[in-house]
Amino acid sequence: MSDFETDLKKVTKAVEKQIADTQKKVGDVTLQAQDEFTKTVQEMSQTVMSRARAEIELCAKLTARLSEARSFPDVVSAYQEWFNKVMVARSEDARQFMTNS
């Protein structure tokens, strides 16, 4: 075998090793990105479900207050209380959205 062929084989092996190393690094980074994305989606899902439960509770409390209302001022008071709580929740949602963005 000539020196040229020997050098060519050495260079080829070195390039193949670099390509394999690069592919492994790309694969590792891809897996890490997928893991982070999955964690983010899970956190978002938990946040959305928590928010949905809070909305259901607010509506249930409003319904209970309205069923107990004996006068128009009682109805207005129930809606005002509910609206104030909804606005606080929306404000918190907006704050969280801005923080996460």
PDB file of N, CA and C in Angstrom:
ATOM      1  N   MET A   1       0.842  -1.169   0.000  1.00  0.00           N
ATOM      2  CA  MET A   1       0.000   0.000   0.000  1.00  0.00           C
ATOM      3  C   MET A   1       0.894   1.241   0.000  1.00  0.00           C
ATOM      4  N   SER A   2       0.506   2.198  -0.772  1.00  0.00           N
ATOM      5  CA  SER A   2       1.315   3.412  -0.886  1.00  0.00           C
ATOM      6  C   SER A   2       1.039   4.355   0.284  1.00  0.00           C
ATOM      7  N   ASP A   3       1.922   5.308   0.447  1.00  0.00           N
ATOM      8  CA  ASP A   3       1.756   6.313   1.504  1.00  0.00           C
ATOM      9  C   ASP A   3       0.466   7.090   1.301  1.00  0.00           C
ATOM     10  N   PHE A   4       0.142   7.345   0.051  1.00  0.00           N
ATOM     11  CA  PHE A   4      -1.091   8.082  -0.269  1.00  0.00           C
ATOM     12  C   PHE A   4      -2.308   7.304   0.215  1.00  0.00           C
ATOM     13  N   GLU A   5      -2.361   6.000  -0.064  1.00  0.00           N
ATOM     14  CA  GLU A   5      -3.494   5.185   0.351  1.00  0.00           C
ATOM     15  C   GLU A   5      -3.577   5.096   1.872  1.00  0.00           C
ATOM     16  N   THR A   6      -2.435   4.968   2.529  1.00  0.00           N
ATOM     17  CA  THR A   6      -2.396   4.904   3.990  1.00  0.00           C
ATOM     18  C   THR A   6      -2.899   6.218   4.588  1.00  0.00           C
ATOM     19  N   ASP A   7      -2.411   7.331   4.054  1.00  0.00           N
ATOM     20  CA  ASP A   7      -2.866   8.642   4.529  1.00  0.00           C
ATOM     21  C   ASP A   7      -4.350   8.834   4.267  1.00  0.00           C
ATOM     22  N   LEU A   8      -4.808   8.382   3.111  1.00  0.00           N
ATOM     23  CA  LEU A   8      -6.223   8.510   2.756  1.00  0.00           C
ATOM     24  C   LEU A   8      -7.089   7.723   3.730  1.00  0.00           C
ATOM     25  N   LYS A   9      -6.663   6.520   4.094  1.00  0.00           N
ATOM     26  CA  LYS A   9      -7.420   5.707   5.047  1.00  0.00           C
ATOM     27  C   LYS A   9      -7.456   6.378   6.423  1.00  0.00           C
ATOM     28  N   LYS A  10      -6.319   6.945   6.843  1.00  0.00           N
ATOM     29  CA  LYS A  10      -6.265   7.635   8.139  1.00  0.00           C
ATOM     30  C   LYS A  10      -7.212   8.829   8.154  1.00  0.00           C
ATOM     31  N   VAL A  11      -7.168   9.615   7.078  1.00  0.00           N
ATOM     32  CA  VAL A  11      -8.042  10.790   6.979  1.00  0.00           C
ATOM     33  C   VAL A  11      -9.495  10.361   6.930  1.00  0.00           C
ATOM     34  N   THR A  12      -9.788   9.315   6.178  1.00  0.00           N
ATOM     35  CA  THR A  12     -11.163   8.813   6.067  1.00  0.00           C
ATOM     36  C   THR A  12     -11.674   8.364   7.434  1.00  0.00           C
ATOM     37  N   LYS A  13     -10.841   7.621   8.165  1.00  0.00           N
ATOM     38  CA  LYS A  13     -11.247   7.173   9.507  1.00  0.00           C
ATOM     39  C   LYS A  13     -11.463   8.365  10.436  1.00  0.00           C
ATOM     40  N   ALA A  14     -10.597   9.361  10.358  1.00  0.00           N
ATOM     41  CA  ALA A  14     -10.735  10.545  11.203  1.00  0.00           C
ATOM     42  C   ALA A  14     -12.024  11.293  10.881  1.00  0.00           C
ATOM     43  N   VAL A  15     -12.323  11.438   9.607  1.00  0.00           N
ATOM     44  CA  VAL A  15     -13.547  12.129   9.192  1.00  0.00           C
ATOM     45  C   VAL A  15     -14.769  11.326   9.623  1.00  0.00           C
ATOM     46  N   GLU A  16     -14.731   9.999   9.445  1.00  0.00           N
ATOM     47  CA  GLU A  16     -15.852   9.153   9.859  1.00  0.00           C
ATOM     48  C   GLU A  16     -16.082   9.266  11.369  1.00  0.00           C
ATOM     49  N   LYS A  17     -14.993   9.317  12.151  1.00  0.00           N
ATOM     50  CA  LYS A  17     -15.116   9.468  13.602  1.00  0.00           C
ATOM     51  C   LYS A  17     -15.724  10.822  13.950  1.00  0.00           C
ATOM     52  N   GLN A  18     -15.296  11.874  13.276  1.00  0.00           N
ATOM     53  CA  GLN A  18     -15.858  13.200  13.534  1.00  0.00           C
ATOM     54  C   GLN A  18     -17.340  13.238  13.183  1.00  0.00           C
ATOM     55  N   ILE A  19     -17.694  12.606  12.079  1.00  0.00           N
ATOM     56  CA  ILE A  19     -19.111  12.564  11.679  1.00  0.00           C
ATOM     57  C   ILE A  19     -19.915  11.798  12.718  1.00  0.00           C
ATOM     58  N   ALA A  20     -19.400  10.654  13.172  1.00  0.00           N
ATOM     59  CA  ALA A  20     -20.107   9.864  14.190  1.00  0.00           C
ATOM     60  C   ALA A  20     -20.250  10.650  15.491  1.00  0.00           C
ATOM     61  N   ASP A  21     -19.178  11.338  15.901  1.00  0.00           N
ATOM     62  CA  ASP A  21     -19.234  12.150  17.117  1.00  0.00           C
ATOM     63  C   ASP A  21     -20.262  13.271  16.987  1.00  0.00           C
ATOM     64  N   THR A  22     -20.267  13.918  15.832  1.00  0.00           N
ATOM     65  CA  THR A  22     -21.225  15.007  15.584  1.00  0.00           C
ATOM     66  C   THR A  22     -22.652  14.477  15.592  1.00  0.00           C
ATOM     67  N   GLN A  23     -22.878  13.319  14.979  1.00  0.00           N
ATOM     68  CA  GLN A  23     -24.223  12.734  14.976  1.00  0.00           C
ATOM     69  C   GLN A  23     -24.677  12.411  16.392  1.00  0.00           C
ATOM     70  N   LYS A  24     -23.760  11.892  17.215  1.00  0.00           N
ATOM     71  CA  LYS A  24     -24.106  11.589  18.605  1.00  0.00           C
ATOM     72  C   LYS A  24     -24.457  12.868  19.352  1.00  0.00           C
ATOM     73  N   LYS A  25     -23.659  13.913  19.150  1.00  0.00           N
ATOM     74  CA  LYS A  25     -23.939  15.188  19.826  1.00  0.00           C
ATOM     75  C   LYS A  25     -25.290  15.739  19.393  1.00  0.00           C
ATOM     76  N   VAL A  26     -25.575  15.678  18.097  1.00  0.00           N
ATOM     77  CA  VAL A  26     -26.868  16.162  17.588  1.00  0.00           C
ATOM     78  C   VAL A  26     -27.996  15.339  18.194  1.00  0.00           C
ATOM     79  N   GLY A  27     -27.807  14.032  18.264  1.00  0.00           N
ATOM     80  CA  GLY A  27     -28.825  13.166  18.873  1.00  0.00           C
ATOM     81  C   GLY A  27     -29.044  13.502  20.336  1.00  0.00           C
ATOM     82  N   ASP A  28     -27.950  13.730  21.080  1.00  0.00           N
ATOM     83  CA  ASP A  28     -28.069  14.079  22.501  1.00  0.00           C
ATOM     84  C   ASP A  28     -28.797  15.402  22.692  1.00  0.00           C
ATOM     85  N   VAL A  29     -28.444  16.388  21.887  1.00  0.00           N
ATOM     86  CA  VAL A  29     -29.100  17.699  21.983  1.00  0.00           C
ATOM     87  C   VAL A  29     -30.575  17.582  21.617  1.00  0.00           C
ATOM     88  N   THR A  30     -30.868  16.782  20.611  1.00  0.00           N
ATOM     89  CA  THR A  30     -32.265  16.582  20.198  1.00  0.00           C
ATOM     90  C   THR A  30     -33.068  15.946  21.331  1.00  0.00           C
ATOM     91  N   LEU A  31     -32.504  14.919  21.968  1.00  0.00           N
ATOM     92  CA  LEU A  31     -33.201  14.277  23.090  1.00  0.00           C
ATOM     93  C   LEU A  31     -33.405  15.254  24.247  1.00  0.00           C
ATOM     94  N   GLN A  32     -32.400  16.066  24.520  1.00  0.00           N
ATOM     95  CA  GLN A  32     -32.521  17.049  25.591  1.00  0.00           C
ATOM     96  C   GLN A  32     -33.624  18.061  25.265  1.00  0.00           C
ATOM     97  N   ALA A  33     -33.667  18.516  24.030  1.00  0.00           N
ATOM     98  CA  ALA A  33     -34.702  19.474  23.625  1.00  0.00           C
ATOM     99  C   ALA A  33     -36.084  18.841  23.730  1.00  0.00           C
ATOM    100  N   GLN A  34     -36.198  17.577  23.316  1.00  0.00           N
ATOM    101  CA  GLN A  34     -37.484  16.891  23.424  1.00  0.00           C
ATOM    102  C   GLN A  34     -37.909  16.754  24.876  1.00  0.00           C
ATOM    103  N   ASP A  35     -36.966  16.416  25.759  1.00  0.00           N
ATOM    104  CA  ASP A  35     -37.284  16.296  27.182  1.00  0.00           C
ATOM    105  C   ASP A  35     -37.757  17.631  27.756  1.00  0.00           C
ATOM    106  N   GLU A  36     -37.067  18.698  27.418  1.00  0.00           N
ATOM    107  CA  GLU A  36     -37.454  20.019  27.915  1.00  0.00           C
ATOM    108  C   GLU A  36     -38.823  20.422  27.374  1.00  0.00           C
ATOM    109  N   PHE A  37     -39.069  20.132  26.105  1.00  0.00           N
ATOM    110  CA  PHE A  37     -40.365  20.454  25.506  1.00  0.00           C
ATOM    111  C   PHE A  37     -41.476  19.670  26.201  1.00  0.00           C
ATOM    112  N   THR A  38     -41.232  18.384  26.454  1.00  0.00           N
ATOM    113  CA  THR A  38     -42.226  17.547  27.124  1.00  0.00           C
ATOM    114  C   THR A  38     -42.521  18.079  28.519  1.00  0.00           C
ATOM    115  N   LYS A  39     -41.483  18.450  29.258  1.00  0.00           N
ATOM    116  CA  LYS A  39     -41.676  19.002  30.601  1.00  0.00           C
ATOM    117  C   LYS A  39     -42.477  20.296  30.547  1.00  0.00           C
ATOM    118  N   THR A  40     -42.165  21.134  29.573  1.00  0.00           N
ATOM    119  CA  THR A  40     -42.881  22.407  29.429  1.00  0.00           C
ATOM    120  C   THR A  40     -44.356  22.169  29.136  1.00  0.00           C
ATOM    121  N   VAL A  41     -44.640  21.235  28.238  1.00  0.00           N
ATOM    122  CA  VAL A  41     -46.027  20.930  27.890  1.00  0.00           C
ATOM    123  C   VAL A  41     -46.762  20.364  29.106  1.00  0.00           C
ATOM    124  N   GLN A  42     -46.102  19.519  29.879  1.00  0.00           N
ATOM    125  CA  GLN A  42     -46.731  18.969  31.082  1.00  0.00           C
ATOM    126  C   GLN A  42     -47.040  20.074  32.093  1.00  0.00           C
ATOM    127  N   GLU A  43     -46.100  20.984  32.284  1.00  0.00           N
ATOM    128  CA  GLU A  43     -46.332  22.097  33.209  1.00  0.00           C
ATOM    129  C   GLU A  43     -47.491  22.964  32.732  1.00  0.00           C
ATOM    130  N   MET A  44     -47.527  23.237  31.428  1.00  0.00           N
ATOM    131  CA  MET A  44     -48.619  24.042  30.881  1.00  0.00           C
ATOM    132  C   MET A  44     -49.950  23.328  31.067  1.00  0.00           C
ATOM    133  N   SER A  45     -49.963  22.033  30.850  1.00  0.00           N
ATOM    134  CA  SER A  45     -51.186  21.253  31.010  1.00  0.00           C
ATOM    135  C   SER A  45     -51.676  21.308  32.451  1.00  0.00           C
ATOM    136  N   GLN A  46     -50.751  21.164  33.403  1.00  0.00           N
ATOM    137  CA  GLN A  46     -51.130  21.240  34.808  1.00  0.00           C
ATOM    138  C   GLN A  46     -51.680  22.617  35.152  1.00  0.00           C
ATOM    139  N   THR A  47     -51.063  23.648  34.610  1.00  0.00           N
ATOM    140  CA  THR A  47     -51.521  25.013  34.866  1.00  0.00           C
ATOM    141  C   THR A  47     -52.925  25.217  34.300  1.00  0.00           C
ATOM    142  N   VAL A  48     -53.145  24.736  33.086  1.00  0.00           N
ATOM    143  CA  VAL A  48     -54.458  24.885  32.451  1.00  0.00           C
ATOM    144  C   VAL A  48     -55.516  24.124  33.243  1.00  0.00           C
ATOM    145  N   MET A  49     -55.198  22.915  33.672  1.00  0.00           N
ATOM    146  CA  MET A  49     -56.171  22.128  34.436  1.00  0.00           C
ATOM    147  C   MET A  49     -56.468  22.778  35.792  1.00  0.00           C
ATOM    148  N   SER A  50     -55.451  23.318  36.414  1.00  0.00           N
ATOM    149  CA  SER A  50     -55.642  24.019  37.684  1.00  0.00           C
ATOM    150  C   SER A  50     -56.554  25.223  37.488  1.00  0.00           C
ATOM    151  N   ARG A  51     -56.301  25.959  36.415  1.00  0.00           N
ATOM    152  CA  ARG A  51     -57.116  27.142  36.102  1.00  0.00           C
ATOM    153  C   ARG A  51     -58.565  26.738  35.812  1.00  0.00           C
ATOM    154  N   ALA A  52     -58.742  25.632  35.109  1.00  0.00           N
ATOM    155  CA  ALA A  52     -60.091  25.158  34.792  1.00  0.00           C
ATOM    156  C   ALA A  52     -60.831  24.767  36.074  1.00  0.00           C
ATOM    157  N   ARG A  53     -60.144  24.107  36.995  1.00  0.00           N
ATOM    158  CA  ARG A  53     -60.777  23.747  38.275  1.00  0.00           C
ATOM    159  C   ARG A  53     -61.190  25.006  39.047  1.00  0.00           C
ATOM    160  N   ALA A  54     -60.321  26.005  39.039  1.00  0.00           N
ATOM    161  CA  ALA A  54     -60.634  27.260  39.731  1.00  0.00           C
ATOM    162  C   ALA A  54     -61.859  27.925  39.098  1.00  0.00           C
ATOM    163  N   GLU A  55     -61.950  27.898  37.773  1.00  0.00           N
ATOM    164  CA  GLU A  55     -63.112  28.476  37.083  1.00  0.00           C
ATOM    165  C   GLU A  55     -64.393  27.743  37.470  1.00  0.00           C
ATOM    166  N   ILE A  56     -64.315  26.430  37.536  1.00  0.00           N
ATOM    167  CA  ILE A  56     -65.492  25.635  37.906  1.00  0.00           C
ATOM    168  C   ILE A  56     -65.930  25.970  39.327  1.00  0.00           C
ATOM    169  N   GLU A  57     -64.954  26.105  40.229  1.00  0.00           N
ATOM    170  CA  GLU A  57     -65.280  26.458  41.611  1.00  0.00           C
ATOM    171  C   GLU A  57     -65.935  27.835  41.697  1.00  0.00           C
ATOM    172  N   LEU A  58     -65.391  28.797  40.941  1.00  0.00           N
ATOM    173  CA  LEU A  58     -65.984  30.142  40.942  1.00  0.00           C
ATOM    174  C   LEU A  58     -67.423  30.103  40.444  1.00  0.00           C
ATOM    175  N   CYS A  59     -67.656  29.366  39.385  1.00  0.00           N
ATOM    176  CA  CYS A  59     -69.016  29.275  38.834  1.00  0.00           C
ATOM    177  C   CYS A  59     -69.954  28.569  39.801  1.00  0.00           C
ATOM    178  N   ALA A  60     -69.454  27.545  40.472  1.00  0.00           N
ATOM    179  CA  ALA A  60     -70.289  26.829  41.439  1.00  0.00           C
ATOM    180  C   ALA A  60     -70.672  27.754  42.599  1.00  0.00           C
ATOM    181  N   LYS A  61     -69.699  28.551  43.056  1.00  0.00           N
ATOM    182  CA  LYS A  61     -69.995  29.498  44.141  1.00  0.00           C
ATOM    183  C   LYS A  61     -70.996  30.556  43.692  1.00  0.00           C
ATOM    184  N   LEU A  62     -70.840  31.026  42.455  1.00  0.00           N
ATOM    185  CA  LEU A  62     -71.796  32.012  41.931  1.00  0.00           C
ATOM    186  C   LEU A  62     -73.194  31.406  41.865  1.00  0.00           C
ATOM    187  N   THR A  63     -73.276  30.195  41.372  1.00  0.00           N
ATOM    188  CA  THR A  63     -74.576  29.525  41.268  1.00  0.00           C
ATOM    189  C   THR A  63     -75.214  29.375  42.644  1.00  0.00           C
ATOM    190  N   ALA A  64     -74.417  28.996  43.630  1.00  0.00           N
ATOM    191  CA  ALA A  64     -74.947  28.845  44.988  1.00  0.00           C
ATOM    192  C   ALA A  64     -75.433  30.188  45.523  1.00  0.00           C
ATOM    193  N   ARG A  65     -74.638  31.225  45.323  1.00  0.00           N
ATOM    194  CA  ARG A  65     -75.046  32.563  45.795  1.00  0.00           C
ATOM    195  C   ARG A  65     -76.321  33.030  45.095  1.00  0.00           C
ATOM    196  N   LEU A  66     -76.421  32.766  43.795  1.00  0.00           N
ATOM    197  CA  LEU A  66     -77.621  33.202  43.072  1.00  0.00           C
ATOM    198  C   LEU A  66     -78.852  32.426  43.514  1.00  0.00           C
ATOM    199  N   SER A  67     -78.675  31.169  43.840  1.00  0.00           N
ATOM    200  CA  SER A  67     -79.837  30.386  44.288  1.00  0.00           C
ATOM    201  C   SER A  67     -80.294  30.822  45.685  1.00  0.00           C
ATOM    202  N   GLU A  68     -79.377  31.394  46.454  1.00  0.00           N
ATOM    203  CA  GLU A  68     -79.721  31.887  47.790  1.00  0.00           C
ATOM    204  C   GLU A  68     -80.239  33.335  47.766  1.00  0.00           C
ATOM    205  N   ALA A  69     -80.073  34.010  46.644  1.00  0.00           N
ATOM    206  CA  ALA A  69     -80.459  35.426  46.560  1.00  0.00           C
ATOM    207  C   ALA A  69     -81.968  35.576  46.735  1.00  0.00           C
ATOM    208  N   ARG A  70     -82.314  36.573  47.517  1.00  0.00           N
ATOM    209  CA  ARG A  70     -83.730  36.837  47.797  1.00  0.00           C
ATOM    210  C   ARG A  70     -84.195  38.161  47.195  1.00  0.00           C
ATOM    211  N   SER A  71     -83.220  38.940  46.694  1.00  0.00           N
ATOM    212  CA  SER A  71     -83.583  40.232  46.132  1.00  0.00           C
ATOM    213  C   SER A  71     -82.613  40.582  45.007  1.00  0.00           C
ATOM    214  N   PHE A  72     -82.988  41.617  44.273  1.00  0.00           N
ATOM    215  CA  PHE A  72     -82.122  42.066  43.177  1.00  0.00           C
ATOM    216  C   PHE A  72     -80.755  42.529  43.693  1.00  0.00           C
ATOM    217  N   PRO A  73     -80.682  43.255  44.805  1.00  0.00           N
ATOM    218  CA  PRO A  73     -79.367  43.641  45.333  1.00  0.00           C
ATOM    219  C   PRO A  73     -78.490  42.421  45.693  1.00  0.00           C
ATOM    220  N   ASP A  74     -79.128  41.325  46.158  1.00  0.00           N
ATOM    221  CA  ASP A  74     -78.368  40.107  46.443  1.00  0.00           C
ATOM    222  C   ASP A  74     -77.763  39.542  45.151  1.00  0.00           C
ATOM    223  N   VAL A  75     -78.529  39.577  44.080  1.00  0.00           N
ATOM    224  CA  VAL A  75     -78.044  39.086  42.789  1.00  0.00           C
ATOM    225  C   VAL A  75     -76.887  39.949  42.300  1.00  0.00           C
ATOM    226  N   VAL A  76     -77.055  41.254  42.389  1.00  0.00           N
ATOM    227  CA  VAL A  76     -76.000  42.180  41.956  1.00  0.00           C
ATOM    228  C   VAL A  76     -74.742  41.959  42.794  1.00  0.00           C
ATOM    229  N   SER A  77     -74.899  41.798  44.080  1.00  0.00           N
ATOM    230  CA  SER A  77     -73.761  41.565  44.966  1.00  0.00           C
ATOM    231  C   SER A  77     -73.035  40.266  44.596  1.00  0.00           C
ATOM    232  N   ALA A  78     -73.803  39.224  44.313  1.00  0.00           N
ATOM    233  CA  ALA A  78     -73.202  37.944  43.928  1.00  0.00           C
ATOM    234  C   ALA A  78     -72.391  38.094  42.643  1.00  0.00           C
ATOM    235  N   TYR A  79     -72.992  38.779  41.662  1.00  0.00           N
ATOM    236  CA  TYR A  79     -72.269  38.985  40.402  1.00  0.00           C
ATOM    237  C   TYR A  79     -71.040  39.876  40.589  1.00  0.00           C
ATOM    238  N   GLN A  80     -71.127  40.886  41.420  1.00  0.00           N
ATOM    239  CA  GLN A  80     -69.970  41.759  41.664  1.00  0.00           C
ATOM    240  C   GLN A  80     -68.823  40.979  42.303  1.00  0.00           C
ATOM    241  N   GLU A  81     -69.152  40.176  43.294  1.00  0.00           N
ATOM    242  CA  GLU A  81     -68.125  39.371  43.959  1.00  0.00           C
ATOM    243  C   GLU A  81     -67.480  38.403  42.956  1.00  0.00           C
ATOM    244  N   TRP A  82     -68.333  37.746  42.179  1.00  0.00           N
ATOM    245  CA  TRP A  82     -67.830  36.802  41.167  1.00  0.00           C
ATOM    246  C   TRP A  82     -66.943  37.529  40.156  1.00  0.00           C
ATOM    247  N   PHE A  83     -67.407  38.684  39.673  1.00  0.00           N
ATOM    248  CA  PHE A  83     -66.652  39.441  38.674  1.00  0.00           C
ATOM    249  C   PHE A  83     -65.298  39.885  39.226  1.00  0.00           C
ATOM    250  N   ASN A  84     -65.265  40.331  40.474  1.00  0.00           N
ATOM    251  CA  ASN A  84     -63.995  40.742  41.090  1.00  0.00           C
ATOM    252  C   ASN A  84     -63.017  39.574  41.145  1.00  0.00           C
ATOM    253  N   LYS A  85     -63.499  38.401  41.533  1.00  0.00           N
ATOM    254  CA  LYS A  85     -62.633  37.218  41.597  1.00  0.00           C
ATOM    255  C   LYS A  85     -62.152  36.806  40.209  1.00  0.00           C
ATOM    256  N   VAL A  86     -63.019  36.909  39.229  1.00  0.00           N
ATOM    257  CA  VAL A  86     -62.639  36.566  37.847  1.00  0.00           C
ATOM    258  C   VAL A  86     -61.564  37.538  37.354  1.00  0.00           C
ATOM    259  N   MET A  87     -61.725  38.809  37.649  1.00  0.00           N
ATOM    260  CA  MET A  87     -60.740  39.803  37.192  1.00  0.00           C
ATOM    261  C   MET A  87     -59.381  39.582  37.864  1.00  0.00           C
ATOM    262  N   VAL A  88     -59.380  39.216  39.139  1.00  0.00           N
ATOM    263  CA  VAL A  88     -58.121  38.909  39.831  1.00  0.00           C
ATOM    264  C   VAL A  88     -57.469  37.695  39.170  1.00  0.00           C
ATOM    265  N   ALA A  89     -58.270  36.687  38.859  1.00  0.00           N
ATOM    266  CA  ALA A  89     -57.736  35.482  38.211  1.00  0.00           C
ATOM    267  C   ALA A  89     -57.181  35.810  36.829  1.00  0.00           C
ATOM    268  N   ARG A  90     -57.884  36.640  36.074  1.00  0.00           N
ATOM    269  CA  ARG A  90     -57.401  37.014  34.732  1.00  0.00           C
ATOM    270  C   ARG A  90     -56.104  37.808  34.828  1.00  0.00           C
ATOM    271  N   SER A  91     -56.033  38.669  35.818  1.00  0.00           N
ATOM    272  CA  SER A  91     -54.826  39.448  36.031  1.00  0.00           C
ATOM    273  C   SER A  91     -53.648  38.517  36.348  1.00  0.00           C
ATOM    274  N   GLU A  92     -53.880  37.535  37.191  1.00  0.00           N
ATOM    275  CA  GLU A  92     -52.838  36.562  37.528  1.00  0.00           C
ATOM    276  C   GLU A  92     -52.450  35.738  36.296  1.00  0.00           C
ATOM    277  N   ASP A  93     -53.443  35.356  35.501  1.00  0.00           N
ATOM    278  CA  ASP A  93     -53.158  34.618  34.260  1.00  0.00           C
ATOM    279  C   ASP A  93     -52.274  35.442  33.326  1.00  0.00           C
ATOM    280  N   ALA A  94     -52.602  36.716  33.190  1.00  0.00           N
ATOM    281  CA  ALA A  94     -51.818  37.594  32.319  1.00  0.00           C
ATOM    282  C   ALA A  94     -50.399  37.758  32.847  1.00  0.00           C
ATOM    283  N   ARG A  95     -50.269  37.903  34.168  1.00  0.00           N
ATOM    284  CA  ARG A  95     -48.947  38.022  34.773  1.00  0.00           C
ATOM    285  C   ARG A  95     -48.126  36.757  34.519  1.00  0.00           C
ATOM    286  N   GLN A  96     -48.750  35.595  34.716  1.00  0.00           N
ATOM    287  CA  GLN A  96     -48.057  34.328  34.475  1.00  0.00           C
ATOM    288  C   GLN A  96     -47.656  34.194  33.013  1.00  0.00           C
ATOM    289  N   PHE A  97     -48.548  34.582  32.120  1.00  0.00           N
ATOM    290  CA  PHE A  97     -48.254  34.507  30.685  1.00  0.00           C
ATOM    291  C   PHE A  97     -47.053  35.363  30.343  1.00  0.00           C
ATOM    292  N   MET A  98     -47.026  36.588  30.869  1.00  0.00           N
ATOM    293  CA  MET A  98     -45.905  37.477  30.590  1.00  0.00           C
ATOM    294  C   MET A  98     -44.601  36.930  31.194  1.00  0.00           C
ATOM    295  N   THR A  99     -44.696  36.351  32.378  1.00  0.00           N
ATOM    296  CA  THR A  99     -43.510  35.766  33.016  1.00  0.00           C
ATOM    297  C   THR A  99     -42.991  34.604  32.186  1.00  0.00           C
ATOM    298  N   ASN A 100     -43.886  33.751  31.719  1.00  0.00           N
ATOM    299  CA  ASN A 100     -43.471  32.572  30.959  1.00  0.00           C
ATOM    300  C   ASN A 100     -43.019  32.905  29.549  1.00  0.00           C
ATOM    301  N   SER A 101     -43.493  34.027  29.047  1.00  0.00           N
ATOM    302  CA  SER A 101     -43.107  34.399  27.685  1.00  0.00           C
ATOM    303  C   SER A 101     -41.750  35.034  27.712  1.00  0.00           C
TER     304      SER A 101
END
